[in-house]
Amino acid sequence: HAAVVRDAAGLARAAGTIAGAARTLAADRSTDGRSRWEAHNVATAAAAIVLSAARRRESRGAHFRDDYPDRDETLAGRHSVLDRGGWRLAAIADIVPAGDAAG
């Protein structure tokens, strides 16, 4: 539901599936610590991708929202960021300090 073509309903289903998997992982004591943490990290990354996709209400680049088919030019060059202040949109230059970006 978070592939190239997306919509709010599918992203909500994906978020629910990920939340359910995270609950199952948290309750699973049969898996060793490292494997459980790796699965937890995958679930955390998946949740961030789905939430970011849900908050981005436009189509841009290779990702298309069936429910928001147009580009929003006010969001050009902006990326979804989660930090201590919560979710926000920012330019890469605002996220990575000068000199820290590779290339």
N, C-alpha and C. Protein backbone atom coordinates (compact mmCIF):
# COMPACT_ATOMS: atom_id res chain seq x y z
N HIS A 1 0.80 -1.21 0.00
CA HIS A 1 0.00 0.00 0.00
C HIS A 1 0.84 1.27 0.00
N ALA A 2 2.14 1.13 0.15
CA ALA A 2 3.02 2.31 0.13
C ALA A 2 3.98 2.23 -1.05
N ALA A 3 3.52 1.61 -2.12
CA ALA A 3 4.35 1.49 -3.31
C ALA A 3 4.32 2.79 -4.11
N VAL A 4 4.60 2.72 -5.37
CA VAL A 4 4.68 3.92 -6.21
C VAL A 4 3.34 4.64 -6.29
N VAL A 5 2.24 3.90 -6.49
CA VAL A 5 0.90 4.50 -6.52
C VAL A 5 0.27 4.28 -5.15
N ARG A 6 -0.15 5.38 -4.52
CA ARG A 6 -0.64 5.34 -3.15
C ARG A 6 -1.94 6.10 -3.03
N ASP A 7 -2.67 5.83 -1.94
CA ASP A 7 -3.81 6.66 -1.57
C ASP A 7 -3.98 6.58 -0.05
N ALA A 8 -4.78 7.47 0.50
CA ALA A 8 -4.93 7.56 1.95
C ALA A 8 -5.44 6.26 2.55
N ALA A 9 -6.42 5.62 1.90
CA ALA A 9 -6.98 4.38 2.45
C ALA A 9 -5.92 3.28 2.50
N GLY A 10 -5.16 3.13 1.45
CA GLY A 10 -4.11 2.11 1.42
C GLY A 10 -3.02 2.39 2.43
N LEU A 11 -2.63 3.66 2.57
CA LEU A 11 -1.61 4.03 3.55
C LEU A 11 -2.11 3.77 4.97
N ALA A 12 -3.39 4.01 5.21
CA ALA A 12 -3.97 3.72 6.54
C ALA A 12 -3.94 2.21 6.81
N ARG A 13 -4.25 1.40 5.78
CA ARG A 13 -4.18 -0.05 5.94
C ARG A 13 -2.73 -0.48 6.23
N ALA A 14 -1.79 0.10 5.50
CA ALA A 14 -0.37 -0.23 5.72
C ALA A 14 0.04 0.14 7.15
N ALA A 15 -0.38 1.31 7.62
CA ALA A 15 -0.04 1.72 8.99
C ALA A 15 -0.62 0.74 10.00
N GLY A 16 -1.83 0.28 9.78
CA GLY A 16 -2.44 -0.71 10.68
C GLY A 16 -1.70 -2.03 10.67
N THR A 17 -1.30 -2.47 9.50
CA THR A 17 -0.54 -3.73 9.38
C THR A 17 0.79 -3.62 10.11
N ILE A 18 1.47 -2.50 9.92
CA ILE A 18 2.76 -2.29 10.57
C ILE A 18 2.59 -2.23 12.09
N ALA A 19 1.57 -1.52 12.55
CA ALA A 19 1.31 -1.44 14.00
C ALA A 19 1.04 -2.83 14.58
N GLY A 20 0.28 -3.63 13.87
CA GLY A 20 0.00 -4.99 14.32
C GLY A 20 1.27 -5.83 14.38
N ALA A 21 2.11 -5.69 13.37
CA ALA A 21 3.37 -6.43 13.35
C ALA A 21 4.26 -5.99 14.50
N ALA A 22 4.28 -4.69 14.77
CA ALA A 22 5.10 -4.18 15.88
C ALA A 22 4.61 -4.73 17.22
N ARG A 23 3.30 -4.82 17.39
CA ARG A 23 2.75 -5.40 18.63
C ARG A 23 3.14 -6.87 18.76
N THR A 24 3.05 -7.60 17.65
CA THR A 24 3.42 -9.01 17.66
C THR A 24 4.90 -9.17 18.00
N LEU A 25 5.73 -8.34 17.39
CA LEU A 25 7.17 -8.40 17.67
C LEU A 25 7.46 -8.10 19.14
N ALA A 26 6.77 -7.12 19.69
CA ALA A 26 7.01 -6.75 21.08
C ALA A 26 6.63 -7.89 22.03
N ALA A 27 5.63 -8.66 21.66
CA ALA A 27 5.16 -9.75 22.53
C ALA A 27 5.93 -11.05 22.30
N ASP A 28 6.65 -11.16 21.21
CA ASP A 28 7.34 -12.40 20.85
C ASP A 28 8.62 -12.55 21.66
N ARG A 29 8.63 -13.52 22.53
CA ARG A 29 9.83 -13.78 23.34
C ARG A 29 10.61 -14.97 22.81
N SER A 30 10.13 -15.60 21.72
CA SER A 30 10.82 -16.76 21.17
C SER A 30 11.96 -16.36 20.25
N THR A 31 11.96 -15.11 19.78
CA THR A 31 13.00 -14.63 18.88
C THR A 31 14.13 -14.03 19.70
N ASP A 32 15.37 -14.29 19.28
CA ASP A 32 16.50 -13.77 20.05
C ASP A 32 16.54 -12.24 19.98
N GLY A 33 17.25 -11.63 20.89
CA GLY A 33 17.29 -10.18 21.03
C GLY A 33 17.69 -9.44 19.77
N ARG A 34 18.76 -9.89 19.11
CA ARG A 34 19.22 -9.18 17.92
C ARG A 34 18.19 -9.23 16.80
N SER A 35 17.65 -10.40 16.53
CA SER A 35 16.64 -10.54 15.47
C SER A 35 15.41 -9.71 15.78
N ARG A 36 15.01 -9.68 17.04
CA ARG A 36 13.84 -8.90 17.43
C ARG A 36 14.11 -7.41 17.22
N TRP A 37 15.31 -6.94 17.61
CA TRP A 37 15.64 -5.53 17.40
C TRP A 37 15.72 -5.18 15.93
N GLU A 38 16.26 -6.09 15.11
CA GLU A 38 16.32 -5.83 13.67
C GLU A 38 14.91 -5.72 13.10
N ALA A 39 14.02 -6.61 13.51
CA ALA A 39 12.63 -6.56 13.03
C ALA A 39 11.95 -5.29 13.54
N HIS A 40 12.23 -4.91 14.78
CA HIS A 40 11.68 -3.67 15.34
C HIS A 40 12.15 -2.46 14.52
N ASN A 41 13.43 -2.45 14.16
CA ASN A 41 13.96 -1.34 13.36
C ASN A 41 13.32 -1.28 11.97
N VAL A 42 13.08 -2.44 11.37
CA VAL A 42 12.41 -2.48 10.08
C VAL A 42 10.98 -1.94 10.21
N ALA A 43 10.28 -2.35 11.26
CA ALA A 43 8.92 -1.86 11.48
C ALA A 43 8.91 -0.36 11.72
N THR A 44 9.90 0.15 12.45
CA THR A 44 9.99 1.59 12.72
C THR A 44 10.22 2.36 11.42
N ALA A 45 11.14 1.87 10.58
CA ALA A 45 11.40 2.52 9.30
C ALA A 45 10.17 2.47 8.40
N ALA A 46 9.49 1.33 8.37
CA ALA A 46 8.28 1.20 7.55
C ALA A 46 7.21 2.18 8.02
N ALA A 47 7.04 2.30 9.33
CA ALA A 47 6.05 3.23 9.87
C ALA A 47 6.39 4.66 9.49
N ALA A 48 7.66 5.03 9.53
CA ALA A 48 8.07 6.39 9.15
C ALA A 48 7.80 6.66 7.68
N ILE A 49 8.06 5.67 6.83
CA ILE A 49 7.81 5.82 5.39
C ILE A 49 6.31 6.01 5.14
N VAL A 50 5.49 5.19 5.77
CA VAL A 50 4.04 5.27 5.56
C VAL A 50 3.48 6.58 6.09
N LEU A 51 3.90 6.98 7.29
CA LEU A 51 3.40 8.24 7.84
C LEU A 51 3.84 9.42 6.98
N SER A 52 5.07 9.42 6.55
CA SER A 52 5.57 10.49 5.69
C SER A 52 4.78 10.54 4.38
N ALA A 53 4.53 9.37 3.79
CA ALA A 53 3.76 9.31 2.53
C ALA A 53 2.33 9.81 2.75
N ALA A 54 1.75 9.48 3.90
CA ALA A 54 0.38 9.93 4.18
C ALA A 54 0.32 11.44 4.36
N ARG A 55 1.34 12.01 4.96
CA ARG A 55 1.36 13.46 5.19
C ARG A 55 1.66 14.24 3.92
N ARG A 56 2.30 13.61 2.95
CA ARG A 56 2.65 14.27 1.69
C ARG A 56 1.45 14.17 0.76
N ARG A 57 0.64 15.18 0.70
CA ARG A 57 -0.61 15.13 -0.08
C ARG A 57 -0.42 15.76 -1.45
N GLU A 58 0.41 15.11 -2.24
CA GLU A 58 0.66 15.52 -3.61
C GLU A 58 1.35 14.37 -4.34
N SER A 59 1.45 14.50 -5.64
CA SER A 59 2.21 13.54 -6.45
C SER A 59 3.49 14.23 -6.87
N ARG A 60 4.62 13.55 -6.67
CA ARG A 60 5.90 14.16 -7.01
C ARG A 60 6.89 13.05 -7.35
N GLY A 61 7.70 13.30 -8.36
CA GLY A 61 8.71 12.32 -8.74
C GLY A 61 8.09 11.00 -9.13
N ALA A 62 8.62 9.94 -8.59
CA ALA A 62 8.16 8.60 -8.93
C ALA A 62 6.95 8.17 -8.12
N HIS A 63 6.57 8.93 -7.10
CA HIS A 63 5.44 8.55 -6.25
C HIS A 63 4.18 9.30 -6.66
N PHE A 64 3.10 8.55 -6.77
CA PHE A 64 1.84 9.12 -7.24
C PHE A 64 0.75 8.84 -6.22
N ARG A 65 0.05 9.89 -5.81
CA ARG A 65 -1.10 9.73 -4.92
C ARG A 65 -2.36 9.77 -5.76
N ASP A 66 -3.09 8.65 -5.81
CA ASP A 66 -4.36 8.60 -6.54
C ASP A 66 -5.32 9.68 -6.06
N ASP A 67 -5.28 9.96 -4.75
CA ASP A 67 -6.21 10.92 -4.17
C ASP A 67 -5.69 12.36 -4.22
N TYR A 68 -4.42 12.56 -4.57
CA TYR A 68 -3.83 13.90 -4.76
C TYR A 68 -2.94 13.85 -6.00
N PRO A 69 -3.55 13.84 -7.20
CA PRO A 69 -2.78 13.60 -8.42
C PRO A 69 -1.88 14.77 -8.86
N ASP A 70 -2.09 15.95 -8.32
CA ASP A 70 -1.32 17.11 -8.78
C ASP A 70 -0.12 17.39 -7.90
N ARG A 71 0.88 18.05 -8.50
CA ARG A 71 2.04 18.51 -7.75
C ARG A 71 1.67 19.79 -7.01
N ASP A 72 2.24 19.97 -5.83
CA ASP A 72 2.10 21.21 -5.07
C ASP A 72 3.45 21.89 -5.10
N GLU A 73 3.58 22.91 -5.93
CA GLU A 73 4.88 23.56 -6.13
C GLU A 73 5.41 24.23 -4.87
N THR A 74 4.55 24.49 -3.89
CA THR A 74 5.06 25.06 -2.63
C THR A 74 5.88 24.03 -1.86
N LEU A 75 5.77 22.75 -2.24
CA LEU A 75 6.53 21.70 -1.57
C LEU A 75 7.78 21.28 -2.34
N ALA A 76 8.05 21.91 -3.47
CA ALA A 76 9.22 21.56 -4.28
C ALA A 76 10.49 21.71 -3.44
N GLY A 77 11.33 20.69 -3.48
CA GLY A 77 12.60 20.72 -2.75
C GLY A 77 12.46 20.51 -1.25
N ARG A 78 11.27 20.16 -0.79
CA ARG A 78 11.04 19.94 0.64
C ARG A 78 10.96 18.44 0.91
N HIS A 79 11.46 18.04 2.04
CA HIS A 79 11.48 16.63 2.43
C HIS A 79 10.82 16.47 3.79
N SER A 80 10.21 15.32 4.02
CA SER A 80 9.58 15.04 5.30
C SER A 80 10.67 14.76 6.32
N VAL A 81 10.59 15.42 7.48
CA VAL A 81 11.60 15.27 8.52
C VAL A 81 10.89 15.01 9.84
N LEU A 82 11.40 14.06 10.59
CA LEU A 82 10.91 13.80 11.95
C LEU A 82 12.07 14.06 12.88
N ASP A 83 11.91 15.02 13.75
CA ASP A 83 12.94 15.29 14.74
C ASP A 83 12.26 15.58 16.08
N ARG A 84 12.99 16.08 17.02
CA ARG A 84 12.40 16.31 18.35
C ARG A 84 11.23 17.27 18.33
N GLY A 85 11.15 18.09 17.30
CA GLY A 85 10.04 19.03 17.17
C GLY A 85 8.81 18.43 16.50
N GLY A 86 8.92 17.17 16.06
CA GLY A 86 7.81 16.52 15.37
C GLY A 86 8.05 16.46 13.88
N TRP A 87 6.98 16.24 13.12
CA TRP A 87 7.06 16.16 11.66
C TRP A 87 7.05 17.54 11.08
N ARG A 88 7.90 17.76 10.06
CA ARG A 88 7.92 19.03 9.34
C ARG A 88 8.48 18.78 7.94
N LEU A 89 8.32 19.75 7.09
CA LEU A 89 8.92 19.70 5.75
C LEU A 89 10.12 20.64 5.75
N ALA A 90 11.22 20.21 5.18
CA ALA A 90 12.42 21.03 5.16
C ALA A 90 13.25 20.72 3.92
N ALA A 91 14.08 21.67 3.53
CA ALA A 91 15.03 21.45 2.44
C ALA A 91 16.21 20.66 2.99
N ILE A 92 16.89 19.90 2.14
CA ILE A 92 18.04 19.12 2.57
C ILE A 92 19.08 20.02 3.23
N ALA A 93 19.30 21.21 2.69
CA ALA A 93 20.28 22.13 3.28
C ALA A 93 19.92 22.52 4.71
N ASP A 94 18.64 22.49 5.04
CA ASP A 94 18.21 22.80 6.41
C ASP A 94 18.36 21.61 7.34
N ILE A 95 18.50 20.41 6.77
CA ILE A 95 18.56 19.19 7.56
C ILE A 95 20.01 18.80 7.85
N VAL A 96 20.86 18.83 6.82
CA VAL A 96 22.25 18.40 6.93
C VAL A 96 23.12 19.64 7.03
N PRO A 97 23.90 19.77 8.10
CA PRO A 97 24.79 20.94 8.23
C PRO A 97 25.78 21.01 7.07
N ALA A 98 26.15 22.21 6.68
CA ALA A 98 27.09 22.41 5.57
C ALA A 98 28.37 21.62 5.84
N GLY A 99 28.88 20.93 4.82
CA GLY A 99 30.10 20.16 4.95
C GLY A 99 29.86 18.72 5.36
N ASP A 100 28.65 18.39 5.84
CA ASP A 100 28.35 17.02 6.27
C ASP A 100 27.76 16.17 5.16
N ALA A 101 27.25 16.81 4.12
CA ALA A 101 26.61 16.06 3.03
C ALA A 101 27.67 15.41 2.16
N ALA A 102 27.45 14.15 1.82
CA ALA A 102 28.38 13.45 0.94
C ALA A 102 28.25 13.96 -0.48
N GLY A 103 29.37 14.02 -1.19
CA GLY A 103 29.33 14.37 -2.59
C GLY A 103 29.43 15.80 -2.78
